[in-house]
Amino acid sequence: MVKQITAALLQMEGHMHTRATRSQFEIKDTVVIHTPTGAEFISQSGDSVLVWTGDIGQKLPSGDVYRYRDVLDMMRTVWRESYSHIRAQLEPMRAAY
């Protein structure tokens, strides 16, 4: 017998994950932050990005658990949307080197 995995079943077994949404992200200088988990995408020189995962995958005090893939996928979306803003912030830093 095959057990079909559904959202209700996952919730009953304690494995329900909270979806990352666009509104949970903020941009500070050259950093995109997922505010519930503290996860960050930090722009480096060129096309490099440093990722600090914060509390992704951990049960937060709110009871929420965010899945890595969900947060990172949404971070990429936010990153693409804000790339021109972030790039403009990096230009003066690059010129100093």
PDB file of N, CA and C in Angstrom:
ATOM      1  N   MET A   1       0.845  -1.183   0.000  1.00  0.00           N
ATOM      2  CA  MET A   1       0.000   0.000   0.000  1.00  0.00           C
ATOM      3  C   MET A   1       0.886   1.241   0.000  1.00  0.00           C
ATOM      4  N   VAL A   2       0.600   2.166  -0.905  1.00  0.00           N
ATOM      5  CA  VAL A   2       1.354   3.401  -1.018  1.00  0.00           C
ATOM      6  C   VAL A   2       0.611   4.501  -0.271  1.00  0.00           C
ATOM      7  N   LYS A   3       1.344   5.208   0.548  1.00  0.00           N
ATOM      8  CA  LYS A   3       0.757   6.294   1.324  1.00  0.00           C
ATOM      9  C   LYS A   3       0.918   7.594   0.540  1.00  0.00           C
ATOM     10  N   GLN A   4      -0.181   8.232   0.164  1.00  0.00           N
ATOM     11  CA  GLN A   4      -0.115   9.475  -0.581  1.00  0.00           C
ATOM     12  C   GLN A   4       0.160  10.611   0.395  1.00  0.00           C
ATOM     13  N   ILE A   5       1.172  11.415   0.064  1.00  0.00           N
ATOM     14  CA  ILE A   5       1.539  12.526   0.933  1.00  0.00           C
ATOM     15  C   ILE A   5       0.718  13.743   0.538  1.00  0.00           C
ATOM     16  N   THR A   6      -0.020  14.260   1.478  1.00  0.00           N
ATOM     17  CA  THR A   6      -0.835  15.449   1.263  1.00  0.00           C
ATOM     18  C   THR A   6      -0.463  16.493   2.312  1.00  0.00           C
ATOM     19  N   ALA A   7      -0.887  17.723   2.086  1.00  0.00           N
ATOM     20  CA  ALA A   7      -0.609  18.787   3.056  1.00  0.00           C
ATOM     21  C   ALA A   7      -1.193  18.429   4.424  1.00  0.00           C
ATOM     22  N   ALA A   8      -2.389  17.855   4.443  1.00  0.00           N
ATOM     23  CA  ALA A   8      -3.022  17.486   5.712  1.00  0.00           C
ATOM     24  C   ALA A   8      -2.204  16.416   6.431  1.00  0.00           C
ATOM     25  N   LEU A   9      -1.716  15.437   5.679  1.00  0.00           N
ATOM     26  CA  LEU A   9      -0.907  14.382   6.277  1.00  0.00           C
ATOM     27  C   LEU A   9       0.396  14.954   6.834  1.00  0.00           C
ATOM     28  N   LEU A  10       1.043  15.822   6.062  1.00  0.00           N
ATOM     29  CA  LEU A  10       2.283  16.434   6.539  1.00  0.00           C
ATOM     30  C   LEU A  10       2.042  17.228   7.814  1.00  0.00           C
ATOM     31  N   GLN A  11       0.933  17.957   7.861  1.00  0.00           N
ATOM     32  CA  GLN A  11       0.612  18.734   9.046  1.00  0.00           C
ATOM     33  C   GLN A  11       0.374  17.822  10.244  1.00  0.00           C
ATOM     34  N   MET A  12      -0.338  16.727  10.049  1.00  0.00           N
ATOM     35  CA  MET A  12      -0.595  15.785  11.141  1.00  0.00           C
ATOM     36  C   MET A  12       0.704  15.183  11.652  1.00  0.00           C
ATOM     37  N   GLU A  13       1.657  14.958  10.752  1.00  0.00           N
ATOM     38  CA  GLU A  13       2.916  14.350  11.158  1.00  0.00           C
ATOM     39  C   GLU A  13       3.928  15.404  11.619  1.00  0.00           C
ATOM     40  N   GLY A  14       3.524  16.673  11.667  1.00  0.00           N
ATOM     41  CA  GLY A  14       4.398  17.719  12.170  1.00  0.00           C
ATOM     42  C   GLY A  14       5.431  18.201  11.173  1.00  0.00           C
ATOM     43  N   HIS A  15       5.208  18.001   9.883  1.00  0.00           N
ATOM     44  CA  HIS A  15       6.194  18.385   8.888  1.00  0.00           C
ATOM     45  C   HIS A  15       5.710  19.506   7.970  1.00  0.00           C
ATOM     46  N   MET A  16       4.732  20.258   8.375  1.00  0.00           N
ATOM     47  CA  MET A  16       4.200  21.313   7.530  1.00  0.00           C
ATOM     48  C   MET A  16       5.176  22.477   7.505  1.00  0.00           C
ATOM     49  N   HIS A  17       5.460  22.982   6.323  1.00  0.00           N
ATOM     50  CA  HIS A  17       6.380  24.103   6.161  1.00  0.00           C
ATOM     51  C   HIS A  17       5.614  25.366   5.813  1.00  0.00           C
ATOM     52  N   THR A  18       6.161  26.486   6.236  1.00  0.00           N
ATOM     53  CA  THR A  18       5.575  27.785   5.936  1.00  0.00           C
ATOM     54  C   THR A  18       6.152  28.286   4.622  1.00  0.00           C
ATOM     55  N   ARG A  19       5.306  28.805   3.755  1.00  0.00           N
ATOM     56  CA  ARG A  19       5.740  29.321   2.459  1.00  0.00           C
ATOM     57  C   ARG A  19       6.416  30.672   2.622  1.00  0.00           C
ATOM     58  N   ALA A  20       7.513  30.869   1.937  1.00  0.00           N
ATOM     59  CA  ALA A  20       8.174  32.170   1.898  1.00  0.00           C
ATOM     60  C   ALA A  20       7.417  33.063   0.918  1.00  0.00           C
ATOM     61  N   THR A  21       7.170  34.298   1.299  1.00  0.00           N
ATOM     62  CA  THR A  21       6.470  35.238   0.435  1.00  0.00           C
ATOM     63  C   THR A  21       7.344  36.465   0.186  1.00  0.00           C
ATOM     64  N   ARG A  22       7.049  37.169  -0.884  1.00  0.00           N
ATOM     65  CA  ARG A  22       7.824  38.352  -1.282  1.00  0.00           C
ATOM     66  C   ARG A  22       7.844  39.387  -0.158  1.00  0.00           C
ATOM     67  N   SER A  23       6.735  39.546   0.524  1.00  0.00           N
ATOM     68  CA  SER A  23       6.632  40.568   1.569  1.00  0.00           C
ATOM     69  C   SER A  23       7.525  40.289   2.789  1.00  0.00           C
ATOM     70  N   GLN A  24       8.070  39.081   2.895  1.00  0.00           N
ATOM     71  CA  GLN A  24       8.939  38.734   4.026  1.00  0.00           C
ATOM     72  C   GLN A  24      10.394  39.140   3.794  1.00  0.00           C
ATOM     73  N   PHE A  25      10.674  39.714   2.632  1.00  0.00           N
ATOM     74  CA  PHE A  25      12.050  40.075   2.281  1.00  0.00           C
ATOM     75  C   PHE A  25      12.237  41.582   2.299  1.00  0.00           C
ATOM     76  N   GLU A  26      13.415  41.991   2.716  1.00  0.00           N
ATOM     77  CA  GLU A  26      13.764  43.404   2.645  1.00  0.00           C
ATOM     78  C   GLU A  26      15.178  43.535   2.100  1.00  0.00           C
ATOM     79  N   ILE A  27      15.465  44.705   1.582  1.00  0.00           N
ATOM     80  CA  ILE A  27      16.785  44.974   1.020  1.00  0.00           C
ATOM     81  C   ILE A  27      17.434  46.067   1.852  1.00  0.00           C
ATOM     82  N   LYS A  28      18.634  45.790   2.331  1.00  0.00           N
ATOM     83  CA  LYS A  28      19.417  46.773   3.072  1.00  0.00           C
ATOM     84  C   LYS A  28      20.774  46.848   2.392  1.00  0.00           C
ATOM     85  N   ASP A  29      21.049  48.000   1.788  1.00  0.00           N
ATOM     86  CA  ASP A  29      22.271  48.202   1.025  1.00  0.00           C
ATOM     87  C   ASP A  29      22.372  47.133  -0.060  1.00  0.00           C
ATOM     88  N   THR A  30      23.327  46.215   0.086  1.00  0.00           N
ATOM     89  CA  THR A  30      23.529  45.174  -0.936  1.00  0.00           C
ATOM     90  C   THR A  30      23.121  43.798  -0.436  1.00  0.00           C
ATOM     91  N   VAL A  31      22.251  43.775   0.577  1.00  0.00           N
ATOM     92  CA  VAL A  31      21.847  42.515   1.198  1.00  0.00           C
ATOM     93  C   VAL A  31      20.337  42.329   1.060  1.00  0.00           C
ATOM     94  N   VAL A  32      19.927  41.123   0.630  1.00  0.00           N
ATOM     95  CA  VAL A  32      18.509  40.751   0.614  1.00  0.00           C
ATOM     96  C   VAL A  32      18.295  39.845   1.820  1.00  0.00           C
ATOM     97  N   ILE A  33      17.345  40.202   2.687  1.00  0.00           N
ATOM     98  CA  ILE A  33      17.146  39.501   3.958  1.00  0.00           C
ATOM     99  C   ILE A  33      15.746  38.901   4.026  1.00  0.00           C
ATOM    100  N   HIS A  34      15.680  37.614   4.413  1.00  0.00           N
ATOM    101  CA  HIS A  34      14.391  36.985   4.719  1.00  0.00           C
ATOM    102  C   HIS A  34      14.160  37.246   6.200  1.00  0.00           C
ATOM    103  N   THR A  35      13.282  38.166   6.516  1.00  0.00           N
ATOM    104  CA  THR A  35      13.146  38.640   7.897  1.00  0.00           C
ATOM    105  C   THR A  35      12.740  37.570   8.916  1.00  0.00           C
ATOM    106  N   PRO A  36      11.852  36.620   8.592  1.00  0.00           N
ATOM    107  CA  PRO A  36      11.506  35.628   9.627  1.00  0.00           C
ATOM    108  C   PRO A  36      12.691  34.759  10.064  1.00  0.00           C
ATOM    109  N   THR A  37      13.577  34.419   9.132  1.00  0.00           N
ATOM    110  CA  THR A  37      14.675  33.503   9.452  1.00  0.00           C
ATOM    111  C   THR A  37      16.021  34.197   9.611  1.00  0.00           C
ATOM    112  N   GLY A  38      16.119  35.436   9.148  1.00  0.00           N
ATOM    113  CA  GLY A  38      17.399  36.129   9.178  1.00  0.00           C
ATOM    114  C   GLY A  38      18.341  35.682   8.071  1.00  0.00           C
ATOM    115  N   ALA A  39      17.869  34.865   7.155  1.00  0.00           N
ATOM    116  CA  ALA A  39      18.704  34.407   6.041  1.00  0.00           C
ATOM    117  C   ALA A  39      19.039  35.599   5.143  1.00  0.00           C
ATOM    118  N   GLU A  40      20.265  35.597   4.584  1.00  0.00           N
ATOM    119  CA  GLU A  40      20.723  36.727   3.786  1.00  0.00           C
ATOM    120  C   GLU A  40      21.393  36.289   2.492  1.00  0.00           C
ATOM    121  N   PHE A  41      21.177  37.078   1.445  1.00  0.00           N
ATOM    122  CA  PHE A  41      21.931  37.015   0.191  1.00  0.00           C
ATOM    123  C   PHE A  41      22.796  38.260   0.214  1.00  0.00           C
ATOM    124  N   ILE A  42      24.098  38.090   0.226  1.00  0.00           N
ATOM    125  CA  ILE A  42      25.013  39.222   0.323  1.00  0.00           C
ATOM    126  C   ILE A  42      25.821  39.308  -0.960  1.00  0.00           C
ATOM    127  N   SER A  43      25.672  40.422  -1.677  1.00  0.00           N
ATOM    128  CA  SER A  43      26.369  40.600  -2.940  1.00  0.00           C
ATOM    129  C   SER A  43      27.861  40.785  -2.706  1.00  0.00           C
ATOM    130  N   GLN A  44      28.643  40.112  -3.518  1.00  0.00           N
ATOM    131  CA  GLN A  44      30.094  40.235  -3.497  1.00  0.00           C
ATOM    132  C   GLN A  44      30.516  40.826  -4.846  1.00  0.00           C
ATOM    133  N   SER A  45      31.787  40.929  -5.101  1.00  0.00           N
ATOM    134  CA  SER A  45      32.235  41.483  -6.375  1.00  0.00           C
ATOM    135  C   SER A  45      31.846  40.563  -7.530  1.00  0.00           C
ATOM    136  N   GLY A  46      31.659  41.153  -8.699  1.00  0.00           N
ATOM    137  CA  GLY A  46      31.255  40.377  -9.869  1.00  0.00           C
ATOM    138  C   GLY A  46      29.853  39.838  -9.683  1.00  0.00           C
ATOM    139  N   ASP A  47      29.648  38.586 -10.064  1.00  0.00           N
ATOM    140  CA  ASP A  47      28.328  37.960  -9.941  1.00  0.00           C
ATOM    141  C   ASP A  47      28.231  37.069  -8.711  1.00  0.00           C
ATOM    142  N   SER A  48      29.204  37.156  -7.826  1.00  0.00           N
ATOM    143  CA  SER A  48      29.237  36.289  -6.648  1.00  0.00           C
ATOM    144  C   SER A  48      28.255  36.760  -5.581  1.00  0.00           C
ATOM    145  N   VAL A  49      27.667  35.777  -4.912  1.00  0.00           N
ATOM    146  CA  VAL A  49      26.735  36.052  -3.825  1.00  0.00           C
ATOM    147  C   VAL A  49      27.069  35.114  -2.668  1.00  0.00           C
ATOM    148  N   LEU A  50      27.173  35.687  -1.496  1.00  0.00           N
ATOM    149  CA  LEU A  50      27.377  34.902  -0.279  1.00  0.00           C
ATOM    150  C   LEU A  50      26.005  34.660   0.328  1.00  0.00           C
ATOM    151  N   VAL A  51      25.695  33.405   0.666  1.00  0.00           N
ATOM    152  CA  VAL A  51      24.390  33.075   1.247  1.00  0.00           C
ATOM    153  C   VAL A  51      24.602  32.637   2.696  1.00  0.00           C
ATOM    154  N   TRP A  52      23.926  33.317   3.611  1.00  0.00           N
ATOM    155  CA  TRP A  52      23.908  32.911   5.011  1.00  0.00           C
ATOM    156  C   TRP A  52      22.496  32.440   5.276  1.00  0.00           C
ATOM    157  N   THR A  53      22.331  31.194   5.652  1.00  0.00           N
ATOM    158  CA  THR A  53      21.002  30.587   5.726  1.00  0.00           C
ATOM    159  C   THR A  53      20.211  30.921   6.989  1.00  0.00           C
ATOM    160  N   GLY A  54      20.803  31.569   7.950  1.00  0.00           N
ATOM    161  CA  GLY A  54      20.053  31.958   9.146  1.00  0.00           C
ATOM    162  C   GLY A  54      19.373  30.764   9.790  1.00  0.00           C
ATOM    163  N   ASP A  55      18.082  30.897  10.077  1.00  0.00           N
ATOM    164  CA  ASP A  55      17.326  29.837  10.750  1.00  0.00           C
ATOM    165  C   ASP A  55      16.404  29.072   9.801  1.00  0.00           C
ATOM    166  N   ILE A  56      16.766  29.033   8.503  1.00  0.00           N
ATOM    167  CA  ILE A  56      15.964  28.245   7.565  1.00  0.00           C
ATOM    168  C   ILE A  56      16.032  26.784   8.007  1.00  0.00           C
ATOM    169  N   GLY A  57      14.894  26.116   7.999  1.00  0.00           N
ATOM    170  CA  GLY A  57      14.836  24.703   8.381  1.00  0.00           C
ATOM    171  C   GLY A  57      14.648  24.479   9.865  1.00  0.00           C
ATOM    172  N   GLN A  58      14.761  25.523  10.657  1.00  0.00           N
ATOM    173  CA  GLN A  58      14.594  25.412  12.106  1.00  0.00           C
ATOM    174  C   GLN A  58      13.190  25.839  12.496  1.00  0.00           C
ATOM    175  N   LYS A  59      12.677  25.280  13.559  1.00  0.00           N
ATOM    176  CA  LYS A  59      11.367  25.710  14.059  1.00  0.00           C
ATOM    177  C   LYS A  59      11.574  27.040  14.786  1.00  0.00           C
ATOM    178  N   LEU A  60      10.901  28.065  14.288  1.00  0.00           N
ATOM    179  CA  LEU A  60      11.021  29.400  14.864  1.00  0.00           C
ATOM    180  C   LEU A  60      10.102  29.536  16.072  1.00  0.00           C
ATOM    181  N   PRO A  61      10.308  30.549  16.930  1.00  0.00           N
ATOM    182  CA  PRO A  61       9.421  30.750  18.083  1.00  0.00           C
ATOM    183  C   PRO A  61       7.949  30.863  17.675  1.00  0.00           C
ATOM    184  N   SER A  62       7.694  31.340  16.465  1.00  0.00           N
ATOM    185  CA  SER A  62       6.320  31.460  15.969  1.00  0.00           C
ATOM    186  C   SER A  62       5.719  30.102  15.618  1.00  0.00           C
ATOM    187  N   GLY A  63       6.577  29.063  15.560  1.00  0.00           N
ATOM    188  CA  GLY A  63       6.129  27.731  15.163  1.00  0.00           C
ATOM    189  C   GLY A  63       6.347  27.460  13.682  1.00  0.00           C
ATOM    190  N   ASP A  64       6.714  28.505  12.929  1.00  0.00           N
ATOM    191  CA  ASP A  64       6.947  28.356  11.492  1.00  0.00           C
ATOM    192  C   ASP A  64       8.258  27.636  11.222  1.00  0.00           C
ATOM    193  N   VAL A  65       8.255  26.842  10.153  1.00  0.00           N
ATOM    194  CA  VAL A  65       9.462  26.201   9.649  1.00  0.00           C
ATOM    195  C   VAL A  65       9.497  26.484   8.152  1.00  0.00           C
ATOM    196  N   TYR A  66      10.570  27.134   7.708  1.00  0.00           N
ATOM    197  CA  TYR A  66      10.709  27.468   6.294  1.00  0.00           C
ATOM    198  C   TYR A  66      11.641  26.466   5.626  1.00  0.00           C
ATOM    199  N   ARG A  67      11.249  26.028   4.467  1.00  0.00           N
ATOM    200  CA  ARG A  67      12.036  25.073   3.685  1.00  0.00           C
ATOM    201  C   ARG A  67      13.108  25.834   2.908  1.00  0.00           C
ATOM    202  N   TYR A  68      14.333  25.282   2.870  1.00  0.00           N
ATOM    203  CA  TYR A  68      15.444  25.915   2.166  1.00  0.00           C
ATOM    204  C   TYR A  68      15.070  26.301   0.746  1.00  0.00           C
ATOM    205  N   ARG A  69      14.533  25.357   0.027  1.00  0.00           N
ATOM    206  CA  ARG A  69      14.227  25.603  -1.389  1.00  0.00           C
ATOM    207  C   ARG A  69      13.256  26.769  -1.570  1.00  0.00           C
ATOM    208  N   ASP A  70      12.223  26.832  -0.737  1.00  0.00           N
ATOM    209  CA  ASP A  70      11.238  27.908  -0.848  1.00  0.00           C
ATOM    210  C   ASP A  70      11.874  29.274  -0.612  1.00  0.00           C
ATOM    211  N   VAL A  71      12.662  29.382   0.452  1.00  0.00           N
ATOM    212  CA  VAL A  71      13.291  30.662   0.785  1.00  0.00           C
ATOM    213  C   VAL A  71      14.315  31.047  -0.281  1.00  0.00           C
ATOM    214  N   LEU A  72      15.143  30.101  -0.696  1.00  0.00           N
ATOM    215  CA  LEU A  72      16.167  30.420  -1.690  1.00  0.00           C
ATOM    216  C   LEU A  72      15.562  30.762  -3.045  1.00  0.00           C
ATOM    217  N   ASP A  73      14.488  30.072  -3.433  1.00  0.00           N
ATOM    218  CA  ASP A  73      13.817  30.409  -4.693  1.00  0.00           C
ATOM    219  C   ASP A  73      13.247  31.828  -4.641  1.00  0.00           C
ATOM    220  N   MET A  74      12.598  32.175  -3.536  1.00  0.00           N
ATOM    221  CA  MET A  74      12.035  33.522  -3.424  1.00  0.00           C
ATOM    222  C   MET A  74      13.143  34.559  -3.323  1.00  0.00           C
ATOM    223  N   MET A  75      14.242  34.223  -2.643  1.00  0.00           N
ATOM    224  CA  MET A  75      15.380  35.148  -2.567  1.00  0.00           C
ATOM    225  C   MET A  75      15.912  35.449  -3.967  1.00  0.00           C
ATOM    226  N   ARG A  76      16.007  34.404  -4.800  1.00  0.00           N
ATOM    227  CA  ARG A  76      16.474  34.618  -6.178  1.00  0.00           C
ATOM    228  C   ARG A  76      15.545  35.573  -6.930  1.00  0.00           C
ATOM    229  N   THR A  77      14.253  35.409  -6.731  1.00  0.00           N
ATOM    230  CA  THR A  77      13.282  36.292  -7.379  1.00  0.00           C
ATOM    231  C   THR A  77      13.478  37.733  -6.911  1.00  0.00           C
ATOM    232  N   VAL A  78      13.583  37.914  -5.611  1.00  0.00           N
ATOM    233  CA  VAL A  78      13.788  39.255  -5.054  1.00  0.00           C
ATOM    234  C   VAL A  78      15.110  39.820  -5.548  1.00  0.00           C
ATOM    235  N   TRP A  79      16.140  38.975  -5.583  1.00  0.00           N
ATOM    236  CA  TRP A  79      17.466  39.392  -6.042  1.00  0.00           C
ATOM    237  C   TRP A  79      17.393  39.901  -7.483  1.00  0.00           C
ATOM    238  N   ARG A  80      16.713  39.150  -8.346  1.00  0.00           N
ATOM    239  CA  ARG A  80      16.585  39.566  -9.748  1.00  0.00           C
ATOM    240  C   ARG A  80      15.822  40.888  -9.854  1.00  0.00           C
ATOM    241  N   GLU A  81      14.759  41.015  -9.085  1.00  0.00           N
ATOM    242  CA  GLU A  81      13.959  42.244  -9.107  1.00  0.00           C
ATOM    243  C   GLU A  81      14.758  43.460  -8.647  1.00  0.00           C
ATOM    244  N   SER A  82      15.642  43.247  -7.699  1.00  0.00           N
ATOM    245  CA  SER A  82      16.357  44.364  -7.091  1.00  0.00           C
ATOM    246  C   SER A  82      17.794  44.491  -7.580  1.00  0.00           C
ATOM    247  N   TYR A  83      18.188  43.703  -8.572  1.00  0.00           N
ATOM    248  CA  TYR A  83      19.587  43.657  -8.992  1.00  0.00           C
ATOM    249  C   TYR A  83      20.119  45.040  -9.372  1.00  0.00           C
ATOM    250  N   SER A  84      19.355  45.839 -10.096  1.00  0.00           N
ATOM    251  CA  SER A  84      19.856  47.148 -10.515  1.00  0.00           C
ATOM    252  C   SER A  84      20.111  48.049  -9.308  1.00  0.00           C
ATOM    253  N   HIS A  85      19.242  47.966  -8.300  1.00  0.00           N
ATOM    254  CA  HIS A  85      19.437  48.740  -7.077  1.00  0.00           C
ATOM    255  C   HIS A  85      20.716  48.295  -6.357  1.00  0.00           C
ATOM    256  N   ILE A  86      20.891  47.002  -6.227  1.00  0.00           N
ATOM    257  CA  ILE A  86      22.058  46.462  -5.530  1.00  0.00           C
ATOM    258  C   ILE A  86      23.338  46.787  -6.291  1.00  0.00           C
ATOM    259  N   ARG A  87      23.292  46.647  -7.611  1.00  0.00           N
ATOM    260  CA  ARG A  87      24.464  46.940  -8.440  1.00  0.00           C
ATOM    261  C   ARG A  87      24.884  48.404  -8.284  1.00  0.00           C
ATOM    262  N   ALA A  88      23.919  49.306  -8.249  1.00  0.00           N
ATOM    263  CA  ALA A  88      24.218  50.726  -8.064  1.00  0.00           C
ATOM    264  C   ALA A  88      24.890  50.977  -6.717  1.00  0.00           C
ATOM    265  N   GLN A  89      24.487  50.240  -5.701  1.00  0.00           N
ATOM    266  CA  GLN A  89      25.101  50.371  -4.385  1.00  0.00           C
ATOM    267  C   GLN A  89      26.544  49.876  -4.381  1.00  0.00           C
ATOM    268  N   LEU A  90      26.838  48.857  -5.205  1.00  0.00           N
ATOM    269  CA  LEU A  90      28.179  48.272  -5.235  1.00  0.00           C
ATOM    270  C   LEU A  90      29.173  49.092  -6.046  1.00  0.00           C
ATOM    271  N   GLU A  91      28.724  49.859  -7.013  1.00  0.00           N
ATOM    272  CA  GLU A  91      29.634  50.596  -7.888  1.00  0.00           C
ATOM    273  C   GLU A  91      30.639  51.470  -7.118  1.00  0.00           C
ATOM    274  N   PRO A  92      30.216  52.276  -6.159  1.00  0.00           N
ATOM    275  CA  PRO A  92      31.208  53.074  -5.426  1.00  0.00           C
ATOM    276  C   PRO A  92      32.217  52.206  -4.651  1.00  0.00           C
ATOM    277  N   MET A  93      31.764  51.057  -4.154  1.00  0.00           N
ATOM    278  CA  MET A  93      32.669  50.161  -3.432  1.00  0.00           C
ATOM    279  C   MET A  93      33.714  49.579  -4.385  1.00  0.00           C
ATOM    280  N   ARG A  94      33.298  49.201  -5.584  1.00  0.00           N
ATOM    281  CA  ARG A  94      34.201  48.623  -6.581  1.00  0.00           C
ATOM    282  C   ARG A  94      35.222  49.652  -7.027  1.00  0.00           C
ATOM    283  N   ALA A  95      34.801  50.903  -7.199  1.00  0.00           N
ATOM    284  CA  ALA A  95      35.692  51.961  -7.661  1.00  0.00           C
ATOM    285  C   ALA A  95      36.800  52.235  -6.639  1.00  0.00           C
ATOM    286  N   ALA A  96      36.520  51.989  -5.363  1.00  0.00           N
ATOM    287  CA  ALA A  96      37.503  52.218  -4.305  1.00  0.00           C
ATOM    288  C   ALA A  96      38.656  51.221  -4.353  1.00  0.00           C
ATOM    289  N   TYR A  97      38.454  50.060  -4.996  1.00  0.00           N
ATOM    290  CA  TYR A  97      39.498  49.048  -5.034  1.00  0.00           C
ATOM    291  C   TYR A  97      40.425  49.303  -6.154  1.00  0.00           C
TER     292      TYR A  97
END
